[in-house]
Amino acid sequence: LTLPRTGSFSRLTPPHVAAPSLMLVGLGGNNGTTLVATVLANRHNISWGTRDGIQTPNYLGSLIRASTMRLGVDAAGEDVFVPISDVLPMVHPNDLVIGGWDISGMPLDKAARRAKVLEYDLQRQLEPLLKEYTPLPSIYYPTFINANQEERADNVIPGSDKQAHLEQVRRDIRDFKAKNDLDQVIVLWTANTERYSRLLDGVNDTADNLLDAIRSSHDEVSPSTVFAVACILEGVPFVNGAPSLVLPLSATRIPMSETDEMLELPPQVRRRTLLSRERSSSPSATRPSSPVTTSSRGRPRSSRCWQSVSSLVARMPRLKRPR
């Protein structure tokens, strides 16, 4: 058992707020259409009527728009609170460029009508704006989600080659970023909750095996894993908005830079390169001792959990910063 340790690391917050983008996996679902509708209603200040009266758009409940922090006290000794978004440079949701994928190709005006989440008057006013959003084809592996989604799956990336699906998602991210002249893309999973993937030795227990499992289109590679790995390889954040497992810990060992060159190397060479990179980038003084087991070839190796966590911590300072 590895004992927990405390430590600190420094992270630079650039004063420049990058041109932001949000790509949703499940853009045409209940969550996706509601999020897009929220941003559009606030951006265009669209009010709507309900049986309780007129409602106006707002971001109440938003951590960065509605939350405050205590700054200090005034001359009278009273606490002074300011919005968090006034303390640090933060993206305003109204400025988000939104796109994404869905297994249903329905434009968002029709998808919102199908979802039945929005009040009718708001839905009616947003229809001209929502119809401009059409999802990109997404990944559909029927064994991972509820069977009732099959009739909606008319907008899928063709074929069963999971490596080809990975490359297509990477192209989609690059194309969306270039088309909209964006500094940064964030990918958010808002699609169906998947069944848990089995954690199998030789399949998803190491970064090498996980990448090889994608190449061989292994049955236990889920759509969310393909999306998450694509994001890692493209150096963009991936946020899981579902209770699914999504990403085996082994994926934290996939390098976030020079990835294309690394993928061309044989698995044994990749493994040695990653271990060498970890040793050179992580100070030995901050690395806690970990239990050592023996590999099948008699070589010592750290426990699987520590390998994943230490790799993630070692890579934190090398995350790409917004321009």
Protein backbone atom coordinates (compact mmCIF):
# COMPACT_ATOMS: atom_id res chain seq x y z
CA LEU A 1 0.00 0.00 0.00
CA THR A 2 1.39 3.39 -0.98
CA LEU A 3 1.12 5.95 1.82
CA PRO A 4 -0.37 9.34 0.90
CA ARG A 5 1.92 12.36 0.94
CA THR A 6 1.29 16.07 0.70
CA GLY A 7 3.16 18.46 -1.55
CA SER A 8 2.78 21.56 -3.64
CA PHE A 9 3.34 22.63 -7.20
CA SER A 10 3.19 25.96 -8.98
CA ARG A 11 0.93 26.67 -11.92
CA LEU A 12 0.96 29.84 -14.00
CA THR A 13 -2.39 31.49 -14.74
CA PRO A 14 -1.88 33.56 -17.89
CA PRO A 15 -3.53 37.00 -17.78
CA HIS A 16 -4.73 36.52 -21.35
CA VAL A 17 -8.05 34.69 -21.62
CA ALA A 18 -7.80 32.29 -24.53
CA ALA A 19 -10.42 32.16 -27.28
CA PRO A 20 -12.48 29.32 -25.79
CA SER A 21 -14.29 26.40 -27.32
CA LEU A 22 -16.42 23.59 -25.97
CA MET A 23 -16.93 20.38 -27.94
CA LEU A 24 -19.67 18.16 -26.51
CA VAL A 25 -19.86 14.42 -26.98
CA GLY A 26 -23.62 14.01 -27.05
CA LEU A 27 -24.34 17.46 -28.46
CA GLY A 28 -27.87 16.50 -29.48
CA GLY A 29 -28.91 14.87 -26.21
CA ASN A 30 -30.83 16.31 -23.28
CA ASN A 31 -27.71 17.70 -21.62
CA GLY A 32 -26.16 19.01 -24.82
CA THR A 33 -29.22 20.83 -26.11
CA THR A 34 -29.93 22.34 -22.68
CA LEU A 35 -26.37 23.63 -22.32
CA VAL A 36 -26.37 25.19 -25.80
CA ALA A 37 -29.81 26.70 -25.15
CA THR A 38 -28.56 28.19 -21.86
CA VAL A 39 -25.62 29.91 -23.55
CA LEU A 40 -27.74 31.18 -26.45
CA ALA A 41 -30.49 32.52 -24.19
CA ASN A 42 -27.95 34.43 -22.10
CA ARG A 43 -25.94 35.60 -25.09
CA HIS A 44 -29.01 37.04 -26.82
CA ASN A 45 -30.84 38.00 -23.59
CA ILE A 46 -33.94 36.01 -24.51
CA SER A 47 -36.70 36.10 -21.89
CA TRP A 48 -39.62 33.68 -22.00
CA GLY A 49 -43.06 33.35 -20.52
CA THR A 50 -44.15 30.62 -18.13
CA ARG A 51 -47.29 30.07 -16.06
CA ASP A 52 -45.41 31.74 -13.19
CA GLY A 53 -44.53 34.83 -15.19
CA ILE A 54 -41.64 36.11 -17.29
CA GLN A 55 -38.26 34.45 -16.80
CA THR A 56 -34.98 36.12 -17.69
CA PRO A 57 -31.74 34.24 -18.50
CA ASN A 58 -28.97 34.11 -15.92
CA TYR A 59 -26.06 32.00 -14.76
CA LEU A 60 -27.26 31.44 -11.19
CA GLY A 61 -25.70 28.22 -9.98
CA SER A 62 -22.58 28.67 -12.11
CA LEU A 63 -19.42 28.29 -10.04
CA ILE A 64 -17.46 30.94 -11.94
CA ARG A 65 -20.30 33.39 -12.66
CA ALA A 66 -22.37 33.29 -9.47
CA SER A 67 -19.87 32.35 -6.74
CA THR A 68 -17.99 34.89 -4.67
CA MET A 69 -14.94 34.89 -2.44
CA ARG A 70 -14.09 36.94 0.65
CA LEU A 71 -11.59 39.62 -0.31
CA GLY A 72 -11.20 41.22 3.12
CA VAL A 73 -12.98 43.82 5.22
CA ASP A 74 -13.96 47.42 4.61
CA ALA A 75 -13.37 50.45 6.84
CA ALA A 76 -16.38 49.49 8.96
CA GLY A 77 -15.06 45.97 9.52
CA GLU A 78 -17.67 44.38 7.26
CA ASP A 79 -16.68 41.46 5.03
CA VAL A 80 -16.17 42.31 1.38
CA PHE A 81 -17.06 39.67 -1.22
CA VAL A 82 -16.30 39.81 -4.94
CA PRO A 83 -17.21 37.44 -7.81
CA ILE A 84 -14.56 34.79 -8.43
CA SER A 85 -14.57 35.78 -12.10
CA ASP A 86 -13.35 39.28 -11.11
CA VAL A 87 -10.31 37.92 -9.29
CA LEU A 88 -8.81 35.70 -11.98
CA PRO A 89 -9.09 35.94 -15.76
CA MET A 90 -11.88 33.55 -16.70
CA VAL A 91 -13.81 32.73 -19.82
CA HIS A 92 -17.37 34.03 -19.96
CA PRO A 93 -19.80 31.30 -21.04
CA ASN A 94 -21.38 33.68 -23.56
CA ASP A 95 -18.10 33.69 -25.48
CA LEU A 96 -17.92 29.92 -25.90
CA VAL A 97 -17.76 28.52 -29.41
CA ILE A 98 -19.73 25.27 -29.16
CA GLY A 99 -19.73 22.19 -31.37
CA GLY A 100 -19.46 18.45 -30.97
CA TRP A 101 -20.58 14.97 -31.86
CA ASP A 102 -23.74 12.90 -31.55
CA ILE A 103 -24.88 9.52 -32.84
CA SER A 104 -28.07 11.30 -33.95
CA GLY A 105 -27.66 13.76 -36.81
CA MET A 106 -30.77 15.74 -35.87
CA PRO A 107 -30.18 19.55 -35.82
CA LEU A 108 -30.42 21.00 -32.34
CA ASP A 109 -33.76 22.75 -32.85
CA LYS A 110 -35.40 19.37 -33.47
CA ALA A 111 -33.24 17.66 -30.84
CA ALA A 112 -34.36 20.19 -28.22
CA ARG A 113 -37.97 19.51 -29.16
CA ARG A 114 -37.35 15.79 -28.75
CA ALA A 115 -35.65 16.29 -25.39
CA LYS A 116 -38.66 18.16 -23.93
CA VAL A 117 -36.54 19.99 -21.37
CA LEU A 118 -37.04 23.63 -22.39
CA GLU A 119 -40.16 25.69 -21.75
CA TYR A 120 -42.19 25.96 -24.96
CA ASP A 121 -41.84 29.74 -25.30
CA LEU A 122 -38.06 29.59 -24.85
CA GLN A 123 -37.79 26.66 -27.25
CA ARG A 124 -39.82 28.55 -29.85
CA GLN A 125 -37.59 31.64 -29.65
CA LEU A 126 -34.38 29.63 -29.75
CA GLU A 127 -35.30 27.47 -32.76
CA PRO A 128 -33.75 29.82 -35.39
CA LEU A 129 -30.48 29.81 -33.41
CA LEU A 130 -30.45 26.12 -32.50
CA LYS A 131 -31.00 24.97 -36.09
CA GLU A 132 -27.52 26.30 -36.93
CA TYR A 133 -25.97 23.52 -34.82
CA THR A 134 -25.63 20.08 -36.41
CA PRO A 135 -23.60 17.35 -34.65
CA LEU A 136 -20.57 15.69 -36.19
CA PRO A 137 -20.76 11.90 -36.62
CA SER A 138 -19.92 10.14 -33.36
CA ILE A 139 -18.74 6.72 -32.21
CA TYR A 140 -21.36 4.04 -31.61
CA TYR A 141 -20.53 0.70 -29.99
CA PRO A 142 -23.95 -0.85 -29.18
CA THR A 143 -22.72 -3.07 -26.34
CA PHE A 144 -21.77 -0.07 -24.19
CA ILE A 145 -25.09 1.79 -24.01
CA ASN A 146 -28.78 1.07 -23.70
CA ALA A 147 -30.35 -0.77 -26.63
CA ASN A 148 -33.05 1.90 -26.99
CA GLN A 149 -30.45 4.23 -28.52
CA GLU A 150 -30.10 2.10 -31.65
CA GLU A 151 -32.97 3.74 -33.52
CA ARG A 152 -31.34 7.15 -33.01
CA ALA A 153 -27.91 6.07 -34.28
CA ASP A 154 -28.06 7.53 -37.80
CA ASN A 155 -24.94 9.70 -37.55
CA VAL A 156 -22.02 7.43 -36.72
CA ILE A 157 -18.41 7.22 -37.83
CA PRO A 158 -18.48 4.25 -40.21
CA GLY A 159 -16.71 0.95 -39.75
CA SER A 160 -15.52 -0.99 -36.72
CA ASP A 161 -11.85 0.05 -36.78
CA LYS A 162 -11.35 1.81 -33.44
CA GLN A 163 -7.97 3.19 -34.46
CA ALA A 164 -9.65 4.85 -37.46
CA HIS A 165 -12.31 6.24 -35.09
CA LEU A 166 -9.56 7.64 -32.87
CA GLU A 167 -7.88 9.38 -35.80
CA GLN A 168 -11.22 10.79 -36.99
CA VAL A 169 -11.93 12.33 -33.58
CA ARG A 170 -8.45 13.86 -33.56
CA ARG A 171 -9.09 15.35 -37.02
CA ASP A 172 -12.44 16.72 -35.86
CA ILE A 173 -10.77 18.50 -32.94
CA ARG A 174 -8.04 19.98 -35.14
CA ASP A 175 -10.49 21.05 -37.85
CA PHE A 176 -12.88 22.68 -35.36
CA LYS A 177 -10.03 24.54 -33.74
CA ALA A 178 -8.67 25.78 -37.07
CA LYS A 179 -12.06 26.65 -38.56
CA ASN A 180 -12.99 28.86 -35.61
CA ASP A 181 -9.48 30.25 -35.01
CA LEU A 182 -9.46 29.01 -31.42
CA ASP A 183 -6.69 29.04 -28.84
CA GLN A 184 -8.07 26.13 -26.86
CA VAL A 185 -10.62 23.32 -27.13
CA ILE A 186 -12.22 21.56 -24.17
CA VAL A 187 -14.07 18.30 -24.79
CA LEU A 188 -16.96 17.45 -22.46
CA TRP A 189 -18.64 14.03 -22.38
CA THR A 190 -22.40 14.58 -22.03
CA ALA A 191 -23.47 11.44 -23.88
CA ASN A 192 -25.03 8.23 -22.58
CA THR A 193 -23.73 6.58 -19.43
CA GLU A 194 -21.77 3.55 -20.55
CA ARG A 195 -21.38 0.21 -18.87
CA TYR A 196 -18.10 -0.22 -17.08
CA SER A 197 -15.22 -1.56 -19.12
CA ARG A 198 -13.52 -4.58 -17.63
CA LEU A 199 -9.94 -3.91 -16.54
CA LEU A 200 -7.95 -6.67 -18.16
CA ASP A 201 -4.27 -7.51 -17.92
CA GLY A 202 -2.66 -7.09 -21.31
CA VAL A 203 -5.54 -4.93 -22.59
CA ASN A 204 -5.90 -1.73 -20.58
CA ASP A 205 -3.47 -2.20 -17.69
CA THR A 206 -0.71 -0.08 -19.26
CA ALA A 207 -0.60 2.79 -21.71
CA ASP A 208 1.09 0.60 -24.32
CA ASN A 209 -1.52 -2.12 -24.00
CA LEU A 210 -4.37 0.37 -24.13
CA LEU A 211 -3.04 1.93 -27.34
CA ASP A 212 -2.53 -1.53 -28.80
CA ALA A 213 -6.08 -2.50 -27.75
CA ILE A 214 -7.42 0.49 -29.69
CA ARG A 215 -5.39 -0.55 -32.74
CA SER A 216 -6.78 -4.07 -32.53
CA SER A 217 -10.34 -2.80 -31.89
CA HIS A 218 -10.64 -4.76 -28.65
CA ASP A 219 -14.20 -5.27 -27.39
CA GLU A 220 -13.47 -3.59 -24.03
CA VAL A 221 -12.43 -0.26 -25.59
CA SER A 222 -15.43 2.01 -25.10
CA PRO A 223 -16.41 5.11 -27.12
CA SER A 224 -15.56 7.37 -24.16
CA THR A 225 -12.10 5.81 -23.92
CA VAL A 226 -11.48 6.53 -27.60
CA PHE A 227 -12.58 10.15 -27.13
CA ALA A 228 -10.47 10.57 -23.98
CA VAL A 229 -7.35 9.10 -25.58
CA ALA A 230 -7.86 11.28 -28.66
CA CYS A 231 -7.94 14.32 -26.38
CA ILE A 232 -4.77 13.24 -24.59
CA LEU A 233 -2.99 12.78 -27.90
CA GLU A 234 -4.19 16.20 -29.07
CA GLY A 235 -3.23 17.87 -25.79
CA VAL A 236 -6.74 19.12 -25.00
CA PRO A 237 -8.69 18.68 -21.73
CA PHE A 238 -11.31 15.95 -21.51
CA VAL A 239 -14.06 16.28 -18.90
CA ASN A 240 -16.26 13.30 -18.05
CA GLY A 241 -19.81 14.43 -17.30
CA ALA A 242 -21.19 10.93 -16.75
CA PRO A 243 -20.74 8.35 -13.98
CA SER A 244 -19.01 5.97 -16.39
CA LEU A 245 -15.44 4.84 -15.68
CA VAL A 246 -14.33 6.22 -19.10
CA LEU A 247 -10.57 6.07 -18.74
CA PRO A 248 -8.38 3.36 -17.22
CA LEU A 249 -5.61 4.74 -15.02
CA SER A 250 -3.15 3.36 -17.55
CA ALA A 251 -4.13 6.14 -19.96
CA THR A 252 -2.52 8.73 -17.67
CA ARG A 253 0.80 7.32 -18.86
CA ILE A 254 0.14 8.27 -22.47
CA PRO A 255 2.51 11.17 -23.25
CA MET A 256 0.79 14.48 -23.94
CA SER A 257 3.49 15.78 -26.25
CA GLU A 258 5.45 14.27 -29.12
CA THR A 259 2.71 11.68 -29.25
CA ASP A 260 2.74 10.91 -32.93
CA GLU A 261 6.45 10.14 -32.85
CA MET A 262 6.01 8.01 -29.74
CA LEU A 263 3.23 5.99 -31.31
CA GLU A 264 5.53 4.95 -34.12
CA LEU A 265 7.92 3.27 -31.67
CA PRO A 266 7.65 -0.42 -30.74
CA PRO A 267 5.90 -1.02 -27.39
CA GLN A 268 9.11 -2.00 -25.58
CA VAL A 269 10.90 1.15 -26.77
CA ARG A 270 7.91 3.34 -25.84
CA ARG A 271 7.88 1.85 -22.36
CA ARG A 272 11.60 2.52 -21.79
CA THR A 273 11.23 6.05 -23.17
CA LEU A 274 8.32 6.83 -20.86
CA LEU A 275 10.11 5.49 -17.79
CA SER A 276 13.24 7.45 -18.66
CA ARG A 277 11.18 10.61 -19.15
CA GLU A 278 9.48 10.13 -15.79
CA ARG A 279 12.80 9.75 -13.97
CA SER A 280 14.25 12.87 -15.57
CA SER A 281 11.18 15.06 -14.97
CA SER A 282 10.17 14.05 -11.42
CA PRO A 283 12.49 15.00 -8.52
CA SER A 284 13.37 11.92 -6.51
CA ALA A 285 12.94 13.87 -3.29
CA THR A 286 9.21 14.31 -3.90
CA ARG A 287 8.57 10.75 -4.98
CA PRO A 288 7.33 8.56 -2.11
CA SER A 289 8.57 5.03 -1.75
CA SER A 290 6.29 2.46 -3.34
CA PRO A 291 5.97 -1.27 -3.02
CA VAL A 292 7.89 -3.22 -5.59
CA THR A 293 6.60 -6.28 -7.34
CA THR A 294 8.29 -8.46 -9.90
CA SER A 295 7.36 -8.63 -13.55
CA SER A 296 7.00 -11.82 -15.52
CA ARG A 297 10.64 -11.37 -16.66
CA GLY A 298 11.91 -10.93 -13.11
CA ARG A 299 12.37 -7.16 -13.41
CA PRO A 300 11.23 -4.96 -10.50
CA ARG A 301 8.30 -2.67 -11.18
CA SER A 302 6.16 -0.31 -9.10
CA SER A 303 2.56 -1.09 -8.25
CA ARG A 304 0.11 -0.31 -11.03
CA CYS A 305 -1.60 2.49 -9.09
CA TRP A 306 1.66 4.26 -8.27
CA GLN A 307 2.85 4.00 -11.88
CA SER A 308 -0.27 5.81 -13.08
CA VAL A 309 -0.33 8.49 -10.37
CA SER A 310 3.39 9.25 -10.46
CA SER A 311 3.26 9.58 -14.23
CA LEU A 312 0.35 12.01 -14.05
CA VAL A 313 2.05 14.15 -11.39
CA ALA A 314 5.32 14.15 -13.33
CA ARG A 315 3.55 15.46 -16.40
CA MET A 316 1.57 18.23 -14.73
CA PRO A 317 4.20 20.96 -15.30
CA ARG A 318 4.38 20.04 -18.98
CA LEU A 319 0.71 20.61 -19.81
CA LYS A 320 0.34 22.98 -22.72
CA ARG A 321 -0.58 26.48 -21.66
CA PRO A 322 -2.96 28.68 -23.68
CA ARG A 323 -1.32 31.12 -25.99
